[in-house]
């Protein structure tokens, strides 16, 4: 019997990685943008800090709620598809066998081998075979609402706390440039770490997150300056 070996692929991290990176990135961008907008309006240091704290709490709850609802909808869709597939297998097993074999033919197997593979897999776990090869649902890609919600809320709070730390430590007269530069540096580092964790190229990820984050910070600052009472 050939010796098996275990392979690890970055794709297995995509579920939690997506939610965690999105939450932390949004926490930094949202909080830093909010703070810069309020600072540009002429608010004092205490009000800026309170605004940042309120933004952290509201953003974390918003991220958790949004992720839970969104991923729950995906989970409902997956469950409906599985129930339909289960019913089709009960009503017409032969046609489902032919459908699965046709999938393998399209992947390059000859018809005889495709029928043998389909028969073996359906004998072992018919629903599992159709779930993976027909519906494209696997353990890696399946929806996990609670995991996504908790990960998003926690990562947003962690991300938002970084600009807040800068606000606390930075002198009031230099608050705006320090928060802006600090946030962009943090976002660039986060983008690089996320790319590395996911096995993607680091430089494009860093450039992408830095550019769009700088745009968000700049727009919010200009809005605060425009409507502020100085």
Protein backbone atom coordinates (compact mmCIF):
# COMPACT_ATOMS: atom_id res chain seq x y z
CA UNK A 1 0.00 0.00 0.00
CA UNK A 2 1.53 3.35 -1.00
CA UNK A 3 2.47 5.65 1.83
CA UNK A 4 0.22 8.67 2.02
CA UNK A 5 1.46 12.13 2.72
CA UNK A 6 -0.37 15.09 4.13
CA UNK A 7 -0.50 18.29 2.12
CA UNK A 8 -1.37 21.69 3.49
CA UNK A 9 -2.73 24.38 1.22
CA UNK A 10 -3.43 28.03 1.93
CA UNK A 11 -6.97 27.63 0.56
CA UNK A 12 -7.99 25.98 3.84
CA UNK A 13 -7.54 29.33 5.60
CA UNK A 14 -9.78 31.28 3.24
CA UNK A 15 -12.88 31.24 5.46
CA UNK A 16 -11.45 32.76 8.62
CA UNK A 17 -8.77 34.71 6.74
CA UNK A 18 -11.30 36.60 4.63
CA UNK A 19 -13.38 37.63 7.65
CA UNK A 20 -10.37 38.49 9.79
CA UNK A 21 -8.61 40.58 7.16
CA UNK A 22 -11.81 42.35 6.15
CA UNK A 23 -12.60 43.16 9.77
CA UNK A 24 -9.15 44.44 10.70
CA UNK A 25 -8.83 46.42 7.48
CA UNK A 26 -12.26 47.97 7.95
CA UNK A 27 -11.49 48.71 11.59
CA UNK A 28 -8.38 50.70 10.70
CA UNK A 29 -9.87 52.49 7.69
CA UNK A 30 -13.22 53.30 9.30
CA UNK A 31 -11.82 54.52 12.59
CA UNK A 32 -8.94 56.49 11.08
CA UNK A 33 -11.24 58.05 8.47
CA UNK A 34 -13.83 58.94 11.09
CA UNK A 35 -11.19 60.49 13.32
CA UNK A 36 -9.65 62.47 10.48
CA UNK A 37 -13.04 63.77 9.38
CA UNK A 38 -13.91 64.91 12.90
CA UNK A 39 -10.43 66.38 13.42
CA UNK A 40 -10.69 68.28 10.15
CA UNK A 41 -13.94 69.83 11.36
CA UNK A 42 -12.11 71.50 14.25
CA UNK A 43 -13.13 69.19 17.13
CA UNK A 44 -10.90 69.03 20.19
CA UNK A 45 -8.80 66.02 21.21
CA UNK A 46 -11.33 64.66 23.73
CA UNK A 47 -14.18 64.68 21.22
CA UNK A 48 -11.99 63.03 18.61
CA UNK A 49 -11.12 60.23 21.03
CA UNK A 50 -14.76 59.70 22.03
CA UNK A 51 -15.70 59.58 18.35
CA UNK A 52 -13.07 56.92 17.73
CA UNK A 53 -14.24 54.77 20.64
CA UNK A 54 -17.86 55.04 19.53
CA UNK A 55 -16.79 54.12 16.01
CA UNK A 56 -14.99 51.04 17.30
CA UNK A 57 -18.06 49.78 19.20
CA UNK A 58 -20.52 50.55 16.43
CA UNK A 59 -18.28 49.14 13.73
CA UNK A 60 -17.61 45.87 15.54
CA UNK A 61 -21.31 45.27 16.08
CA UNK A 62 -22.11 46.22 12.51
CA UNK A 63 -19.47 43.86 11.14
CA UNK A 64 -20.71 40.98 13.29
CA UNK A 65 -24.32 41.54 12.32
CA UNK A 66 -23.58 41.98 8.64
CA UNK A 67 -21.35 38.91 8.42
CA UNK A 68 -23.79 36.74 10.33
CA UNK A 69 -26.75 37.72 8.18
CA UNK A 70 -24.80 37.43 4.94
CA UNK A 71 -23.20 34.07 5.69
CA UNK A 72 -26.46 32.74 7.14
CA UNK A 73 -28.12 33.50 3.80
CA UNK A 74 -25.37 31.54 2.07
CA UNK A 75 -25.86 28.68 4.53
CA UNK A 76 -29.62 28.67 3.87
CA UNK A 77 -28.98 28.47 0.13
CA UNK A 78 -26.55 25.59 0.61
CA UNK A 79 -29.03 23.70 2.81
CA UNK A 80 -31.81 24.18 0.25
CA UNK A 81 -29.54 22.86 -2.51
CA UNK A 82 -28.60 19.82 -0.39
CA UNK A 83 -32.23 19.07 0.39
CA UNK A 84 -33.11 19.25 -3.29
CA UNK A 85 -30.20 17.00 -4.20
CA UNK A 86 -31.20 14.51 -1.50
CA UNK A 87 -34.74 14.41 -2.90
CA UNK A 88 -33.49 13.91 -6.46
CA UNK A 89 -31.35 10.99 -5.32
CA UNK A 90 -34.36 9.35 -3.68
CA UNK A 91 -36.61 9.87 -6.68
CA UNK A 92 -34.27 9.06 -9.57
CA UNK A 93 -30.99 7.49 -8.51
CA UNK A 94 -30.16 6.29 -12.03
CA UNK A 95 -30.36 9.76 -13.57
CA UNK A 96 -28.24 11.18 -10.77
CA UNK A 97 -25.64 8.48 -11.44
CA UNK A 98 -25.59 9.46 -15.12
CA UNK A 99 -25.30 13.13 -14.17
CA UNK A 100 -22.31 12.49 -11.94
CA UNK A 101 -20.64 10.32 -14.59
CA UNK A 102 -21.14 13.10 -17.15
CA UNK A 103 -19.28 15.50 -14.83
CA UNK A 104 -16.29 13.14 -14.77
CA UNK A 105 -16.40 12.76 -18.55
CA UNK A 106 -16.17 16.54 -18.88
CA UNK A 107 -13.12 16.42 -16.62
CA UNK A 108 -11.34 14.01 -18.95
CA UNK A 109 -12.36 10.45 -18.02
CA UNK A 110 -13.70 8.07 -20.64
CA UNK A 111 -17.33 7.06 -20.20
CA UNK A 112 -16.62 3.58 -18.88
CA UNK A 113 -14.25 4.79 -16.19
CA UNK A 114 -16.53 7.72 -15.36
CA UNK A 115 -19.41 5.32 -14.76
CA UNK A 116 -17.23 3.15 -12.54
CA UNK A 117 -16.04 6.12 -10.50
CA UNK A 118 -19.58 7.47 -10.15
CA UNK A 119 -20.83 4.06 -9.04
CA UNK A 120 -18.08 3.64 -6.44
CA UNK A 121 -18.54 7.12 -5.01
CA UNK A 122 -22.33 6.91 -4.92
CA UNK A 123 -22.18 3.51 -3.24
CA UNK A 124 -19.97 5.01 -0.55
CA UNK A 125 -21.75 8.39 -0.17
CA UNK A 126 -24.10 9.46 -2.94
CA UNK A 127 -25.07 12.80 -1.41
CA UNK A 128 -21.46 13.61 -0.53
CA UNK A 129 -20.32 12.91 -4.08
CA UNK A 130 -22.98 15.15 -5.60
CA UNK A 131 -22.43 17.82 -2.96
CA UNK A 132 -18.77 18.13 -3.87
CA UNK A 133 -18.72 17.48 -7.61
CA UNK A 134 -22.10 18.79 -8.73
CA UNK A 135 -22.84 21.60 -6.26
CA UNK A 136 -19.24 22.55 -5.52
CA UNK A 137 -19.80 22.64 -1.75
CA UNK A 138 -16.96 21.38 0.43
CA UNK A 139 -15.80 21.70 4.02
CA UNK A 140 -13.43 24.47 2.94
CA UNK A 141 -16.06 26.62 1.24
CA UNK A 142 -19.14 25.84 3.34
CA UNK A 143 -20.76 28.74 5.19
CA UNK A 144 -20.04 29.19 8.91
CA UNK A 145 -22.10 32.21 10.10
CA UNK A 146 -21.07 32.30 13.76
CA UNK A 147 -17.39 31.88 12.97
CA UNK A 148 -17.55 34.69 10.42
CA UNK A 149 -19.43 37.00 12.80
CA UNK A 150 -17.09 36.51 15.75
CA UNK A 151 -13.99 36.75 13.59
CA UNK A 152 -15.19 39.95 11.93
CA UNK A 153 -16.20 41.65 15.19
CA UNK A 154 -12.96 40.78 16.98
CA UNK A 155 -10.73 41.67 14.06
CA UNK A 156 -12.56 44.98 13.54
CA UNK A 157 -12.08 45.84 17.21
CA UNK A 158 -8.39 44.98 17.03
CA UNK A 159 -7.97 47.01 13.84
CA UNK A 160 -9.88 49.99 15.23
CA UNK A 161 -7.89 49.97 18.45
CA UNK A 162 -4.67 50.70 16.54
CA UNK A 163 -5.67 54.21 15.35
CA UNK A 164 -7.14 54.84 18.79
CA UNK A 165 -3.76 54.05 20.31
CA UNK A 166 -2.17 56.56 17.95
CA UNK A 167 -4.72 59.19 18.95
CA UNK A 168 -3.97 58.69 22.64
CA UNK A 169 -0.22 58.94 22.16
CA UNK A 170 0.01 61.58 19.41
CA UNK A 171 0.31 65.27 20.30
CA UNK A 172 -2.87 67.16 19.48
CA UNK A 173 -1.17 69.66 17.14
CA UNK A 174 0.17 66.87 14.91
CA UNK A 175 -2.74 64.47 15.27
CA UNK A 176 -3.97 64.53 11.67
CA UNK A 177 -0.72 63.67 9.83
CA UNK A 178 0.33 61.12 12.46
CA UNK A 179 -3.03 59.29 12.31
CA UNK A 180 -3.06 59.34 8.51
CA UNK A 181 0.49 58.06 8.09
CA UNK A 182 0.18 55.59 10.95
CA UNK A 183 -3.04 54.13 9.54
CA UNK A 184 -1.55 53.70 6.06
CA UNK A 185 1.54 51.99 7.47
CA UNK A 186 -0.63 49.63 9.52
CA UNK A 187 -2.81 48.87 6.50
CA UNK A 188 0.21 48.18 4.31
CA UNK A 189 1.59 45.76 6.91
CA UNK A 190 -1.80 44.08 7.26
CA UNK A 191 -2.13 43.72 3.50
CA UNK A 192 1.32 42.15 3.28
CA UNK A 193 0.65 39.72 6.13
CA UNK A 194 -2.71 38.71 4.66
CA UNK A 195 -1.14 38.07 1.27
CA UNK A 196 1.63 36.01 2.85
CA UNK A 197 -0.85 33.98 4.91
CA UNK A 198 -2.93 33.30 1.82
CA UNK A 199 0.05 32.46 -0.37
CA UNK A 200 -0.51 35.45 -2.69
CA UNK A 201 1.96 38.04 -3.98
CA UNK A 202 2.74 40.61 -1.29
CA UNK A 203 3.53 43.77 -3.29
CA UNK A 204 0.26 43.97 -5.27
CA UNK A 205 -1.72 43.42 -2.06
CA UNK A 206 0.18 46.18 -0.25
CA UNK A 207 -0.22 48.65 -3.13
CA UNK A 208 -3.91 47.85 -3.49
CA UNK A 209 -4.83 48.29 0.16
CA UNK A 210 -2.67 51.41 0.57
CA UNK A 211 -4.11 53.18 -2.48
CA UNK A 212 -7.77 52.61 -1.66
CA UNK A 213 -7.28 53.32 2.03
CA UNK A 214 -5.51 56.60 1.26
CA UNK A 215 -8.43 57.55 -0.97
CA UNK A 216 -10.92 56.78 1.82
CA UNK A 217 -8.93 58.79 4.36
CA UNK A 218 -8.59 61.74 2.00
CA UNK A 219 -12.26 61.87 1.06
CA UNK A 220 -13.41 61.71 4.69
CA UNK A 221 -10.93 64.40 5.71
CA UNK A 222 -12.18 66.72 2.97
CA UNK A 223 -15.81 66.14 3.97
CA UNK A 224 -14.98 67.00 7.58
CA UNK A 225 -13.09 70.11 6.51
CA UNK A 226 -15.91 71.18 4.20
CA UNK A 227 -18.71 70.90 6.76
CA UNK A 228 -16.71 71.67 9.89
CA UNK A 229 -17.13 74.84 11.85
CA UNK A 230 -13.72 76.45 12.05
